C-alpha atoms as a PDB file:
ATOM      1  CA  UNK A   1     -18.397   6.065  54.124  1.00  0.00           C
ATOM      2  CA  UNK A   2     -15.064   6.048  52.743  1.00  0.00           C
ATOM      3  CA  UNK A   3     -15.752   4.148  49.344  1.00  0.00           C
ATOM      4  CA  UNK A   4     -13.871   4.396  46.177  1.00  0.00           C
ATOM      5  CA  UNK A   5     -16.135   5.558  43.104  1.00  0.00           C
ATOM      6  CA  UNK A   6     -16.272   2.991  40.408  1.00  0.00           C
ATOM      7  CA  UNK A   7     -14.906   4.496  37.113  1.00  0.00           C
ATOM      8  CA  UNK A   8     -17.403   5.801  34.766  1.00  0.00           C
ATOM      9  CA  UNK A   9     -17.904   4.017  31.482  1.00  0.00           C
ATOM     10  CA  UNK A  10     -16.920   0.335  30.196  1.00  0.00           C
ATOM     11  CA  UNK A  11     -13.223   0.500  30.891  1.00  0.00           C
ATOM     12  CA  UNK A  12     -12.222  -2.525  33.115  1.00  0.00           C
ATOM     13  CA  UNK A  13      -9.119  -3.843  34.167  1.00  0.00           C
ATOM     14  CA  UNK A  14      -7.746  -6.841  32.155  1.00  0.00           C
ATOM     15  CA  UNK A  15      -7.146  -9.704  34.048  1.00  0.00           C
ATOM     16  CA  UNK A  16      -3.592 -11.563  33.435  1.00  0.00           C
ATOM     17  CA  UNK A  17      -3.952 -13.983  30.432  1.00  0.00           C
ATOM     18  CA  UNK A  18      -3.617 -17.612  31.606  1.00  0.00           C
ATOM     19  CA  UNK A  19      -1.736 -20.416  29.868  1.00  0.00           C
ATOM     20  CA  UNK A  20      -4.592 -21.133  27.584  1.00  0.00           C
ATOM     21  CA  UNK A  21      -4.923 -17.807  26.620  1.00  0.00           C
ATOM     22  CA  UNK A  22      -1.281 -17.094  25.954  1.00  0.00           C
ATOM     23  CA  UNK A  23      -1.088 -20.186  23.767  1.00  0.00           C
ATOM     24  CA  UNK A  24      -4.000 -19.233  21.683  1.00  0.00           C
ATOM     25  CA  UNK A  25      -2.590 -15.776  21.394  1.00  0.00           C
ATOM     26  CA  UNK A  26       0.668 -17.227  20.194  1.00  0.00           C
ATOM     27  CA  UNK A  27      -1.020 -19.325  17.772  1.00  0.00           C
ATOM     28  CA  UNK A  28      -3.225 -16.450  16.367  1.00  0.00           C
ATOM     29  CA  UNK A  29      -0.008 -14.351  15.859  1.00  0.00           C
ATOM     30  CA  UNK A  30       1.832 -17.117  14.333  1.00  0.00           C
ATOM     31  CA  UNK A  31      -1.208 -17.720  11.985  1.00  0.00           C
ATOM     32  CA  UNK A  32      -1.269 -13.682  11.227  1.00  0.00           C
ATOM     33  CA  UNK A  33       2.418 -13.685  10.384  1.00  0.00           C
ATOM     34  CA  UNK A  34       2.058 -16.592   7.891  1.00  0.00           C
ATOM     35  CA  UNK A  35      -0.967 -14.743   6.454  1.00  0.00           C
ATOM     36  CA  UNK A  36       1.245 -11.488   5.940  1.00  0.00           C
ATOM     37  CA  UNK A  37       3.928 -13.475   4.274  1.00  0.00           C
ATOM     38  CA  UNK A  38       1.706 -15.134   1.942  1.00  0.00           C
ATOM     39  CA  UNK A  39      -0.095 -11.877   0.776  1.00  0.00           C
ATOM     40  CA  UNK A  40       3.181  -9.823   0.378  1.00  0.00           C
ATOM     41  CA  UNK A  41       4.694 -13.087  -1.160  1.00  0.00           C
ATOM     42  CA  UNK A  42       2.023 -13.310  -3.810  1.00  0.00           C
ATOM     43  CA  UNK A  43       2.488  -9.461  -4.737  1.00  0.00           C
ATOM     44  CA  UNK A  44       6.191  -9.628  -4.898  1.00  0.00           C
ATOM     45  CA  UNK A  45       6.200 -13.197  -6.793  1.00  0.00           C
ATOM     46  CA  UNK A  46       3.807 -11.614  -9.355  1.00  0.00           C
ATOM     47  CA  UNK A  47       6.031  -8.783  -9.951  1.00  0.00           C
ATOM     48  CA  UNK A  48       8.895 -11.047 -10.880  1.00  0.00           C
ATOM     49  CA  UNK A  49       7.688 -12.707 -14.028  1.00  0.00           C
ATOM     50  CA  UNK A  50       4.433 -14.227 -15.454  1.00  0.00           C
ATOM     51  CA  UNK A  51       6.252 -17.421 -15.554  1.00  0.00           C
ATOM     52  CA  UNK A  52       5.735 -17.659 -12.015  1.00  0.00           C
ATOM     53  CA  UNK A  53       1.969 -17.275 -12.058  1.00  0.00           C
ATOM     54  CA  UNK A  54       1.386 -20.600 -10.455  1.00  0.00           C
ATOM     55  CA  UNK A  55       3.426 -19.611  -7.495  1.00  0.00           C
ATOM     56  CA  UNK A  56       1.505 -16.445  -7.369  1.00  0.00           C
ATOM     57  CA  UNK A  57      -1.798 -18.539  -7.453  1.00  0.00           C
ATOM     58  CA  UNK A  58      -0.556 -20.897  -4.456  1.00  0.00           C
ATOM     59  CA  UNK A  59       0.385 -17.912  -2.347  1.00  0.00           C
ATOM     60  CA  UNK A  60      -2.773 -16.075  -3.069  1.00  0.00           C
ATOM     61  CA  UNK A  61      -4.818 -19.202  -2.265  1.00  0.00           C
ATOM     62  CA  UNK A  62      -2.980 -19.654   0.872  1.00  0.00           C
ATOM     63  CA  UNK A  63      -3.413 -16.040   1.868  1.00  0.00           C
ATOM     64  CA  UNK A  64      -7.282 -16.476   1.305  1.00  0.00           C
ATOM     65  CA  UNK A  65      -7.515 -19.732   3.317  1.00  0.00           C
ATOM     66  CA  UNK A  66      -5.467 -18.029   6.212  1.00  0.00           C
ATOM     67  CA  UNK A  67      -7.281 -14.887   6.122  1.00  0.00           C
ATOM     68  CA  UNK A  68     -10.693 -16.769   6.636  1.00  0.00           C
ATOM     69  CA  UNK A  69      -9.018 -18.987   9.215  1.00  0.00           C
ATOM     70  CA  UNK A  70      -8.034 -15.760  11.227  1.00  0.00           C
ATOM     71  CA  UNK A  71     -11.359 -13.944  10.817  1.00  0.00           C
ATOM     72  CA  UNK A  72     -13.085 -17.090  12.331  1.00  0.00           C
ATOM     73  CA  UNK A  73     -10.528 -17.199  15.151  1.00  0.00           C
ATOM     74  CA  UNK A  74     -11.065 -13.335  15.748  1.00  0.00           C
ATOM     75  CA  UNK A  75     -15.015 -13.653  15.772  1.00  0.00           C
ATOM     76  CA  UNK A  76     -14.764 -16.781  18.009  1.00  0.00           C
ATOM     77  CA  UNK A  77     -11.886 -15.472  20.421  1.00  0.00           C
ATOM     78  CA  UNK A  78     -11.858 -11.639  20.117  1.00  0.00           C
ATOM     79  CA  UNK A  79      -8.269 -11.540  20.828  1.00  0.00           C
ATOM     80  CA  UNK A  80      -6.692  -8.527  18.993  1.00  0.00           C
ATOM     81  CA  UNK A  81      -8.196  -5.708  17.019  1.00  0.00           C
ATOM     82  CA  UNK A  82      -4.875  -5.213  15.290  1.00  0.00           C
ATOM     83  CA  UNK A  83      -4.981  -8.642  13.654  1.00  0.00           C
ATOM     84  CA  UNK A  84      -8.564  -8.081  12.596  1.00  0.00           C
ATOM     85  CA  UNK A  85      -7.551  -4.769  10.876  1.00  0.00           C
ATOM     86  CA  UNK A  86      -4.625  -6.396   9.487  1.00  0.00           C
ATOM     87  CA  UNK A  87      -6.618  -9.343   8.292  1.00  0.00           C
ATOM     88  CA  UNK A  88      -9.361  -7.409   6.570  1.00  0.00           C
ATOM     89  CA  UNK A  89      -6.657  -5.170   4.816  1.00  0.00           C
ATOM     90  CA  UNK A  90      -4.834  -8.423   3.654  1.00  0.00           C
ATOM     91  CA  UNK A  91      -7.994 -10.012   2.460  1.00  0.00           C
ATOM     92  CA  UNK A  92      -8.778  -6.820   0.141  1.00  0.00           C
ATOM     93  CA  UNK A  93      -5.197  -7.271  -1.260  1.00  0.00           C
ATOM     94  CA  UNK A  94      -5.739 -10.838  -1.589  1.00  0.00           C
ATOM     95  CA  UNK A  95      -9.030 -10.186  -3.605  1.00  0.00           C
ATOM     96  CA  UNK A  96      -7.202  -7.806  -6.072  1.00  0.00           C
ATOM     97  CA  UNK A  97      -4.383 -10.509  -6.339  1.00  0.00           C
ATOM     98  CA  UNK A  98      -6.825 -12.985  -7.213  1.00  0.00           C
ATOM     99  CA  UNK A  99      -8.262 -10.717  -9.757  1.00  0.00           C
ATOM    100  CA  UNK A 100      -5.050 -10.097 -11.349  1.00  0.00           C
ATOM    101  CA  UNK A 101      -3.982 -13.590 -11.205  1.00  0.00           C
ATOM    102  CA  UNK A 102      -6.948 -14.862 -12.938  1.00  0.00           C
ATOM    103  CA  UNK A 103      -6.762 -12.189 -15.759  1.00  0.00           C
ATOM    104  CA  UNK A 104      -3.150 -12.805 -16.202  1.00  0.00           C
ATOM    105  CA  UNK A 105      -3.949 -16.688 -16.496  1.00  0.00           C
ATOM    106  CA  UNK A 106      -6.473 -15.963 -19.128  1.00  0.00           C
ATOM    107  CA  UNK A 107      -4.409 -13.609 -21.039  1.00  0.00           C
ATOM    108  CA  UNK A 108      -0.980 -15.406 -20.115  1.00  0.00           C
ATOM    109  CA  UNK A 109       0.601 -15.215 -23.827  1.00  0.00           C
ATOM    110  CA  UNK A 110      -0.408 -11.539 -24.197  1.00  0.00           C
ATOM    111  CA  UNK A 111       1.105 -10.761 -20.789  1.00  0.00           C
ATOM    112  CA  UNK A 112       4.111 -12.962 -21.306  1.00  0.00           C
ATOM    113  CA  UNK A 113       4.565 -10.768 -24.663  1.00  0.00           C
ATOM    114  CA  UNK A 114       4.137  -7.495 -22.912  1.00  0.00           C
ATOM    115  CA  UNK A 115       6.945  -8.564 -20.059  1.00  0.00           C
ATOM    116  CA  UNK A 116       9.524  -9.704 -22.552  1.00  0.00           C
ATOM    117  CA  UNK A 117       8.801  -6.204 -24.510  1.00  0.00           C
ATOM    118  CA  UNK A 118       9.222  -4.092 -21.480  1.00  0.00           C
ATOM    119  CA  UNK A 119      12.330  -6.006 -20.442  1.00  0.00           C
ATOM    120  CA  UNK A 120      13.897  -5.008 -23.769  1.00  0.00           C
ATOM    121  CA  UNK A 121      12.535  -1.531 -23.782  1.00  0.00           C
ATOM    122  CA  UNK A 122      15.229   1.094 -22.767  1.00  0.00           C
ATOM    123  CA  UNK A 123      13.242   4.208 -23.371  1.00  0.00           C
ATOM    124  CA  UNK A 124       9.786   5.697 -22.354  1.00  0.00           C
ATOM    125  CA  UNK A 125       8.752   5.582 -26.216  1.00  0.00           C
ATOM    126  CA  UNK A 126       9.733   1.888 -26.612  1.00  0.00           C
ATOM    127  CA  UNK A 127       7.795   1.008 -23.253  1.00  0.00           C
ATOM    128  CA  UNK A 128       4.746   2.862 -24.650  1.00  0.00           C
ATOM    129  CA  UNK A 129       4.999   1.174 -27.860  1.00  0.00           C
ATOM    130  CA  UNK A 130       4.848  -2.107 -25.676  1.00  0.00           C
ATOM    131  CA  UNK A 131       1.667  -1.007 -24.320  1.00  0.00           C
ATOM    132  CA  UNK A 132       0.038  -0.137 -27.329  1.00  0.00           C
ATOM    133  CA  UNK A 133       1.081  -3.708 -28.458  1.00  0.00           C
ATOM    134  CA  UNK A 134      -0.515  -5.016 -25.523  1.00  0.00           C
ATOM    135  CA  UNK A 135      -3.768  -3.007 -26.130  1.00  0.00           C
ATOM    136  CA  UNK A 136      -3.934  -4.348 -29.655  1.00  0.00           C
ATOM    137  CA  UNK A 137      -3.256  -7.921 -28.781  1.00  0.00           C
ATOM    138  CA  UNK A 138      -6.149  -8.284 -26.212  1.00  0.00           C
ATOM    139  CA  UNK A 139      -9.714  -8.781 -27.520  1.00  0.00           C
ATOM    140  CA  UNK A 140     -12.175  -5.646 -28.005  1.00  0.00           C
ATOM    141  CA  UNK A 141     -15.606  -5.717 -26.525  1.00  0.00           C
ATOM    142  CA  UNK A 142     -18.356  -6.240 -28.725  1.00  0.00           C
ATOM    143  CA  UNK A 143     -20.717  -2.929 -29.010  1.00  0.00           C
END
């Protein structure tokens, strides 16, 4: 007569993790840290100079590969929602960096000239002049 009522809803107590689950979660978190470092590294290295475009491309490719690995691990193991959210956010940044890297590679000379011009510019007017010079050097779309 004295029975304990079951809690309503899908809430269940989690069983303690075994050694295999702990090792798998540790590996996932290590991959996630490497992913974050490669994504942030590609963004920061691109800010340095267009001369480091090769390093930006390597870090972007590494971020893309690690992001895909993390998504596959998450769908297979369902370990951490924070890892899923961080991976998806990082893949969006990686996709943007991929487009920026490709555009910079196509217009390498123009971007290098622009960065050199902005590096010498001391005033806002000089920076605007650099921007106008960049716009004039880029090809115009055909109407």
